[in-house]
Amino acid sequence: MDMVEVARRIADEVLFPAALTTDASDVVPRELLDTLASAGLYGVGLDADFGTVCEIQEALATGCLTTAFIWAQHLGLVHALATGGETEAKARWLAPLATGEVRAGLGLGGALPKPTLLARPDGQHWILDGVSPFVSGWNRVDVIHVAARSPDDHVVWLIVDAADGPSLRAERLTLAALNATNTVRATFSELPVTADRVTGRHPVAAGAAPEVLRLHAALALGVAARCCRLLGRTPLDGELAALRAELDQLGAGITTARAAAGELAVRAAAALMASEGSRSLLAADHAQRLMREAMFTLVYALRPASRAAVLAKLGVPEST
């Protein structure tokens, strides 16, 4: 089965027709995520190469970025377990994660340049204390793959149950785009996590890996691609194809290309709105949704280097 074609079909036949309703919902309908699980997309990272995963991510983003984004957060934990050797965490979690029986979100507080979530060892536990500022998919995910910073300045990755309690409190955030992702600010108060839920531990990286930036860009390319389809044939089609090819090289310019993907999505959405005129401002029109989604892809998960690249692409000095 060609999983890219499966993703494209789901995007066109299921996600895009429901996208306006999803966008206006309090939280993404569970049945949309169930559709992805039934199609085998929750375990796609196990048997698909990286290029295929990027194609699938872009395809789903053409349909509904809200649904695609929640699904994309899940894949990091699947990949970490699949490539991390034989561990207790892999034995327990990988199979149900790969089928979508268990679904994962992502918390990056400890991976930020200035970490907001700390972890200290305590016997057979790690104790988490602090904040993960953006955790998407609350009430739609079962666990969070959490990054926390250790005393020796390593990033420790752990599997944490996505449930409010005395040591974990979720505060919903209101977003201008993708609000139905039900994104929360997660506050950890001396939360103990057993060592068998650790998926990895590594020194703090100097910057985002090229593969991470490529996956970020896939979401922007998906939004741009949907705008291009709604516009009809324009020079934006050639820009999109050329940028996709550049990103696939994973070369030294990947940070700049990631910025270009978000900028292209914004430009394509703006062209779509201008093409449609005043009706594009209606809540029932896809153009305004795509413009807000493009805005999201431009700014989400920026780190210092990628932020500088975005500002440079927009012609604004970083110090402004």
Protein backbone atom coordinates (compact mmCIF):
# COMPACT_ATOMS: atom_id res chain seq x y z
CA MET A 1 0.00 0.00 0.00
CA ASP A 2 1.32 3.46 -0.97
CA MET A 3 0.97 5.38 2.29
CA VAL A 4 1.56 8.72 0.59
CA GLU A 5 -1.43 8.11 -1.66
CA VAL A 6 -3.45 6.99 1.36
CA ALA A 7 -2.59 10.24 3.13
CA ARG A 8 -3.50 12.30 0.06
CA ARG A 9 -6.84 10.55 -0.27
CA ILE A 10 -7.67 11.10 3.41
CA ALA A 11 -6.63 14.76 3.12
CA ASP A 12 -8.88 15.35 0.10
CA GLU A 13 -11.85 13.19 1.03
CA VAL A 14 -11.98 13.45 4.84
CA LEU A 15 -9.84 16.25 6.30
CA PHE A 16 -10.35 19.10 3.82
CA PRO A 17 -14.16 18.79 3.64
CA ALA A 18 -14.29 18.92 7.46
CA ALA A 19 -11.52 21.51 7.93
CA LEU A 20 -13.73 24.56 8.56
CA THR A 21 -15.82 22.66 11.09
CA THR A 22 -12.67 21.33 12.74
CA ASP A 23 -11.14 24.80 12.85
CA ALA A 24 -14.20 26.15 14.68
CA SER A 25 -14.40 23.21 17.11
CA ASP A 26 -13.38 23.32 20.75
CA VAL A 27 -11.11 20.34 20.09
CA VAL A 28 -10.39 18.30 16.97
CA PRO A 29 -13.02 15.56 16.48
CA ARG A 30 -11.67 12.25 17.68
CA GLU A 31 -12.98 10.45 14.60
CA LEU A 32 -10.54 12.32 12.35
CA LEU A 33 -7.60 11.02 14.38
CA ASP A 34 -9.22 7.58 14.37
CA THR A 35 -9.23 7.70 10.57
CA LEU A 36 -5.48 8.25 10.55
CA ALA A 37 -4.96 5.42 13.03
CA SER A 38 -7.16 3.02 11.01
CA ALA A 39 -5.10 3.81 7.91
CA GLY A 40 -1.88 2.84 9.71
CA LEU A 41 -0.48 6.37 9.78
CA TYR A 42 0.30 6.42 13.51
CA GLY A 43 3.06 3.89 12.93
CA VAL A 44 4.30 5.23 9.62
CA GLY A 45 7.77 5.98 10.98
CA LEU A 46 8.48 2.29 11.56
CA ASP A 47 8.59 1.15 7.93
CA ALA A 48 8.78 4.34 5.87
CA ASP A 49 11.93 6.26 4.98
CA PHE A 50 12.34 9.88 6.02
CA GLY A 51 11.37 11.27 2.63
CA THR A 52 8.12 9.34 2.69
CA VAL A 53 7.29 10.64 6.18
CA CYS A 54 7.81 14.20 4.90
CA GLU A 55 5.52 13.54 1.94
CA ILE A 56 2.83 12.12 4.22
CA GLN A 57 3.10 15.06 6.61
CA GLU A 58 2.79 17.55 3.76
CA ALA A 59 -0.16 15.65 2.29
CA LEU A 60 -2.11 15.66 5.56
CA ALA A 61 -1.38 19.37 6.03
CA THR A 62 -3.09 20.11 2.72
CA GLY A 63 -6.28 18.78 4.25
CA CYS A 64 -6.32 20.19 7.78
CA LEU A 65 -3.31 21.53 9.61
CA THR A 66 -5.00 21.11 13.00
CA THR A 67 -5.39 17.35 12.55
CA ALA A 68 -2.00 16.97 10.88
CA PHE A 69 -0.24 18.84 13.66
CA ILE A 70 -1.65 16.67 16.46
CA TRP A 71 -0.72 13.55 14.48
CA ALA A 72 2.79 14.87 13.76
CA GLN A 73 3.53 15.37 17.47
CA HIS A 74 2.97 11.63 17.97
CA LEU A 75 5.65 10.51 15.52
CA GLY A 76 8.59 11.75 17.58
CA LEU A 77 7.95 9.23 20.33
CA VAL A 78 7.46 6.38 17.84
CA HIS A 79 10.78 7.25 16.20
CA ALA A 80 12.59 7.58 19.53
CA LEU A 81 11.45 4.15 20.68
CA ALA A 82 12.01 2.47 17.33
CA THR A 83 15.61 3.71 17.05
CA GLY A 84 16.63 3.72 20.71
CA GLY A 85 17.60 0.08 21.15
CA GLU A 86 15.90 -2.54 23.30
CA THR A 87 14.53 -0.85 26.41
CA GLU A 88 11.69 -1.33 28.86
CA ALA A 89 9.98 1.70 27.37
CA LYS A 90 10.14 0.24 23.86
CA ALA A 91 8.78 -3.13 24.97
CA ARG A 92 5.86 -1.51 26.74
CA TRP A 93 4.92 1.39 24.49
CA LEU A 94 5.98 0.96 20.88
CA ALA A 95 3.34 -1.51 19.70
CA PRO A 96 0.29 0.40 21.02
CA LEU A 97 1.76 3.71 19.84
CA ALA A 98 2.32 2.34 16.33
CA THR A 99 -1.32 1.32 16.00
CA GLY A 100 -2.69 4.51 17.51
CA GLU A 101 -4.18 2.63 20.44
CA VAL A 102 -2.01 4.96 22.55
CA ARG A 103 -1.48 8.49 21.23
CA ALA A 104 1.30 10.87 22.17
CA GLY A 105 1.79 14.60 22.44
CA LEU A 106 5.03 16.53 22.78
CA GLY A 107 6.43 18.83 25.47
CA LEU A 108 9.67 20.66 24.74
CA GLY A 109 10.22 22.77 27.85
CA GLY A 110 13.59 21.19 28.62
CA ALA A 111 14.85 21.42 25.04
CA LEU A 112 14.44 25.20 24.82
CA PRO A 113 17.61 27.35 24.72
CA LYS A 114 16.54 28.64 28.15
CA PRO A 115 14.94 25.51 29.63
CA THR A 116 11.68 25.89 31.52
CA LEU A 117 11.33 22.26 32.64
CA LEU A 118 13.95 20.63 34.86
CA ALA A 119 14.54 16.99 35.82
CA ARG A 120 16.63 15.70 38.70
CA PRO A 121 17.40 12.05 39.47
CA ASP A 122 16.03 10.57 42.68
CA GLY A 123 16.69 6.86 43.08
CA GLN A 124 14.64 5.02 40.43
CA HIS A 125 12.78 8.19 39.45
CA TRP A 126 13.27 11.46 37.68
CA ILE A 127 11.53 14.41 39.35
CA LEU A 128 10.07 16.96 36.92
CA ASP A 129 9.55 20.55 37.97
CA GLY A 130 8.71 23.55 35.81
CA VAL A 131 6.69 24.29 32.69
CA SER A 132 6.31 23.02 29.14
CA PRO A 133 4.76 26.09 27.49
CA PHE A 134 2.94 24.45 24.56
CA VAL A 135 1.55 20.91 24.64
CA SER A 136 -0.96 20.21 21.87
CA GLY A 137 -3.70 17.59 21.67
CA TRP A 138 -4.82 17.66 25.32
CA ASN A 139 -7.80 15.32 25.81
CA ARG A 140 -6.83 13.66 22.52
CA VAL A 141 -3.48 12.22 23.59
CA ASP A 142 -2.78 9.65 26.27
CA VAL A 143 0.87 10.44 27.01
CA ILE A 144 3.33 13.29 26.48
CA HIS A 145 6.88 12.78 25.25
CA VAL A 146 8.53 15.32 27.53
CA ALA A 147 11.95 16.91 27.24
CA ALA A 148 13.43 18.07 30.57
CA ARG A 149 16.85 19.49 31.43
CA SER A 150 19.02 17.54 33.87
CA PRO A 151 21.49 19.01 36.39
CA ASP A 152 24.42 18.04 34.13
CA ASP A 153 22.83 19.99 31.25
CA HIS A 154 21.53 17.02 29.28
CA VAL A 155 18.07 16.70 27.75
CA VAL A 156 16.19 13.77 29.26
CA TRP A 157 13.17 12.44 27.34
CA LEU A 158 10.41 10.77 29.34
CA ILE A 159 6.91 9.40 28.79
CA VAL A 160 4.39 11.13 31.06
CA ASP A 161 0.66 10.41 31.35
CA ALA A 162 -1.38 13.26 29.85
CA ALA A 163 -3.71 13.70 32.82
CA ASP A 164 -4.30 16.50 35.29
CA GLY A 165 -3.33 15.70 38.86
CA PRO A 166 -1.66 17.13 41.94
CA SER A 167 1.72 17.24 40.16
CA LEU A 168 0.62 18.10 36.62
CA ARG A 169 -1.72 20.95 35.79
CA ALA A 170 -2.87 21.88 32.27
CA GLU A 171 -3.97 25.43 31.50
CA ARG A 172 -5.65 25.82 28.13
CA LEU A 173 -4.26 28.47 25.79
CA THR A 174 -6.37 30.35 23.25
CA LEU A 175 -4.64 30.34 19.88
CA ALA A 176 -5.35 32.53 16.86
CA ALA A 177 -4.73 29.51 14.64
CA LEU A 178 -5.15 25.79 15.29
CA ASN A 179 -7.11 26.51 18.45
CA ALA A 180 -8.80 23.11 18.14
CA THR A 181 -5.45 21.46 18.87
CA ASN A 182 -6.45 22.17 22.50
CA THR A 183 -2.96 23.39 23.31
CA VAL A 184 -2.12 23.80 26.99
CA ARG A 185 0.60 25.17 29.24
CA ALA A 186 1.65 22.15 31.31
CA THR A 187 2.99 22.88 34.79
CA PHE A 188 4.90 20.11 36.58
CA SER A 189 5.24 20.24 40.36
CA GLU A 190 7.70 17.64 41.65
CA LEU A 191 6.21 14.99 39.34
CA PRO A 192 7.99 11.62 39.77
CA VAL A 193 8.56 9.58 36.60
CA THR A 194 9.98 6.06 36.82
CA ALA A 195 13.24 5.31 35.02
CA ASP A 196 11.56 2.73 32.78
CA ARG A 197 9.75 5.62 31.05
CA VAL A 198 12.96 7.26 29.87
CA THR A 199 13.36 7.09 26.08
CA GLY A 200 16.67 8.90 25.72
CA ARG A 201 19.23 11.26 27.18
CA HIS A 202 21.68 13.41 25.25
CA PRO A 203 23.73 16.61 25.53
CA VAL A 204 22.01 19.85 24.62
CA ALA A 205 22.17 20.34 20.86
CA ALA A 206 23.55 23.56 19.40
CA GLY A 207 20.53 23.89 17.11
CA ALA A 208 17.66 22.00 15.55
CA ALA A 209 18.65 18.99 13.46
CA PRO A 210 18.12 19.30 9.69
CA GLU A 211 15.52 16.53 9.83
CA VAL A 212 13.47 18.44 12.41
CA LEU A 213 13.53 21.58 10.28
CA ARG A 214 12.50 19.55 7.22
CA LEU A 215 9.49 18.15 9.07
CA HIS A 216 8.52 21.65 10.23
CA ALA A 217 8.72 22.82 6.64
CA ALA A 218 6.51 19.95 5.44
CA LEU A 219 3.55 21.47 7.27
CA ALA A 220 4.16 24.87 5.64
CA LEU A 221 4.50 23.22 2.23
CA GLY A 222 1.17 21.49 2.76
CA VAL A 223 -0.62 24.76 3.49
CA ALA A 224 1.04 26.41 0.50
CA ALA A 225 0.14 23.47 -1.73
CA ARG A 226 -3.56 23.69 -0.83
CA CYS A 227 -3.54 27.43 -1.55
CA CYS A 228 -1.92 26.76 -4.91
CA ARG A 229 -4.56 24.19 -5.79
CA LEU A 230 -7.36 26.60 -4.95
CA LEU A 231 -5.69 29.41 -6.92
CA GLY A 232 -5.12 27.39 -10.07
CA ARG A 233 -1.93 27.56 -12.11
CA THR A 234 0.40 30.41 -11.00
CA PRO A 235 4.16 30.98 -10.68
CA LEU A 236 3.78 29.91 -7.03
CA ASP A 237 3.61 26.29 -8.25
CA GLY A 238 7.18 26.48 -9.50
CA GLU A 239 8.37 28.14 -6.29
CA LEU A 240 6.77 25.39 -4.27
CA ALA A 241 8.39 22.60 -6.29
CA ALA A 242 11.82 24.25 -6.20
CA LEU A 243 11.67 24.85 -2.46
CA ARG A 244 10.55 21.29 -1.78
CA ALA A 245 13.54 19.99 -3.77
CA GLU A 246 15.90 22.29 -1.86
CA LEU A 247 14.55 21.14 1.49
CA ASP A 248 14.93 17.50 0.51
CA GLN A 249 18.68 18.02 0.21
CA LEU A 250 18.94 18.60 3.99
CA GLY A 251 21.88 20.84 3.19
CA ALA A 252 23.62 23.64 5.01
CA GLY A 253 20.89 26.09 3.98
CA ILE A 254 18.08 24.11 5.63
CA THR A 255 17.39 26.81 8.24
CA THR A 256 16.91 29.43 5.53
CA ALA A 257 14.79 27.03 3.48
CA ARG A 258 12.59 26.28 6.51
CA ALA A 259 12.01 30.04 6.84
CA ALA A 260 11.25 30.27 3.12
CA ALA A 261 8.59 27.57 3.46
CA GLY A 262 6.67 29.55 6.08
CA GLU A 263 7.03 32.75 4.06
CA LEU A 264 5.79 31.00 0.91
CA ALA A 265 2.76 29.65 2.79
CA VAL A 266 1.89 33.17 3.97
CA ARG A 267 2.35 34.59 0.47
CA ALA A 268 0.26 31.85 -1.14
CA ALA A 269 -2.52 32.34 1.40
CA ALA A 270 -2.42 36.10 0.86
CA ALA A 271 -2.70 35.56 -2.90
CA LEU A 272 -5.68 33.28 -2.35
CA MET A 273 -7.42 35.87 -0.18
CA ALA A 274 -6.74 38.63 -2.70
CA SER A 275 -8.01 36.43 -5.50
CA GLU A 276 -11.26 35.76 -3.67
CA GLY A 277 -11.70 39.31 -2.41
CA SER A 278 -13.98 40.25 0.47
CA ARG A 279 -15.63 36.83 0.72
CA SER A 280 -12.28 35.42 1.86
CA LEU A 281 -12.92 37.18 5.19
CA LEU A 282 -15.96 35.03 5.91
CA ALA A 283 -15.55 32.37 8.57
CA ALA A 284 -17.10 29.90 6.11
CA ASP A 285 -14.31 30.46 3.56
CA HIS A 286 -11.17 28.33 3.44
CA ALA A 287 -8.92 31.26 2.52
CA GLN A 288 -9.05 32.88 5.95
CA ARG A 289 -8.38 29.52 7.62
CA LEU A 290 -5.41 28.88 5.38
CA MET A 291 -4.03 32.36 6.08
CA ARG A 292 -4.14 31.69 9.82
CA GLU A 293 -2.59 28.26 9.30
CA ALA A 294 0.17 29.83 7.20
CA MET A 295 0.84 32.30 10.00
CA PHE A 296 1.17 29.34 12.37
CA THR A 297 3.71 27.56 10.14
CA LEU A 298 5.77 30.75 9.88
CA VAL A 299 6.30 31.18 13.62
CA TYR A 300 5.81 27.90 15.48
CA ALA A 301 8.78 26.19 17.16
CA LEU A 302 11.24 28.92 16.18
CA ARG A 303 14.66 28.78 17.76
CA PRO A 304 17.23 31.60 17.54
CA ALA A 305 18.68 30.55 14.17
CA SER A 306 15.34 29.86 12.52
CA ARG A 307 13.82 33.07 13.93
CA ALA A 308 16.70 35.05 12.47
CA ALA A 309 16.18 33.32 9.13
CA VAL A 310 12.46 34.14 9.12
CA LEU A 311 13.12 37.78 9.92
CA ALA A 312 15.77 37.97 7.23
CA LYS A 313 13.35 36.45 4.71
CA LEU A 314 10.84 39.13 5.64
CA GLY A 315 13.48 41.84 5.28
CA VAL A 316 13.51 42.79 8.96
CA PRO A 317 16.77 43.03 10.97
CA GLU A 318 16.78 40.59 13.87
CA SER A 319 17.39 43.35 16.43
CA THR A 320 14.17 45.16 15.47
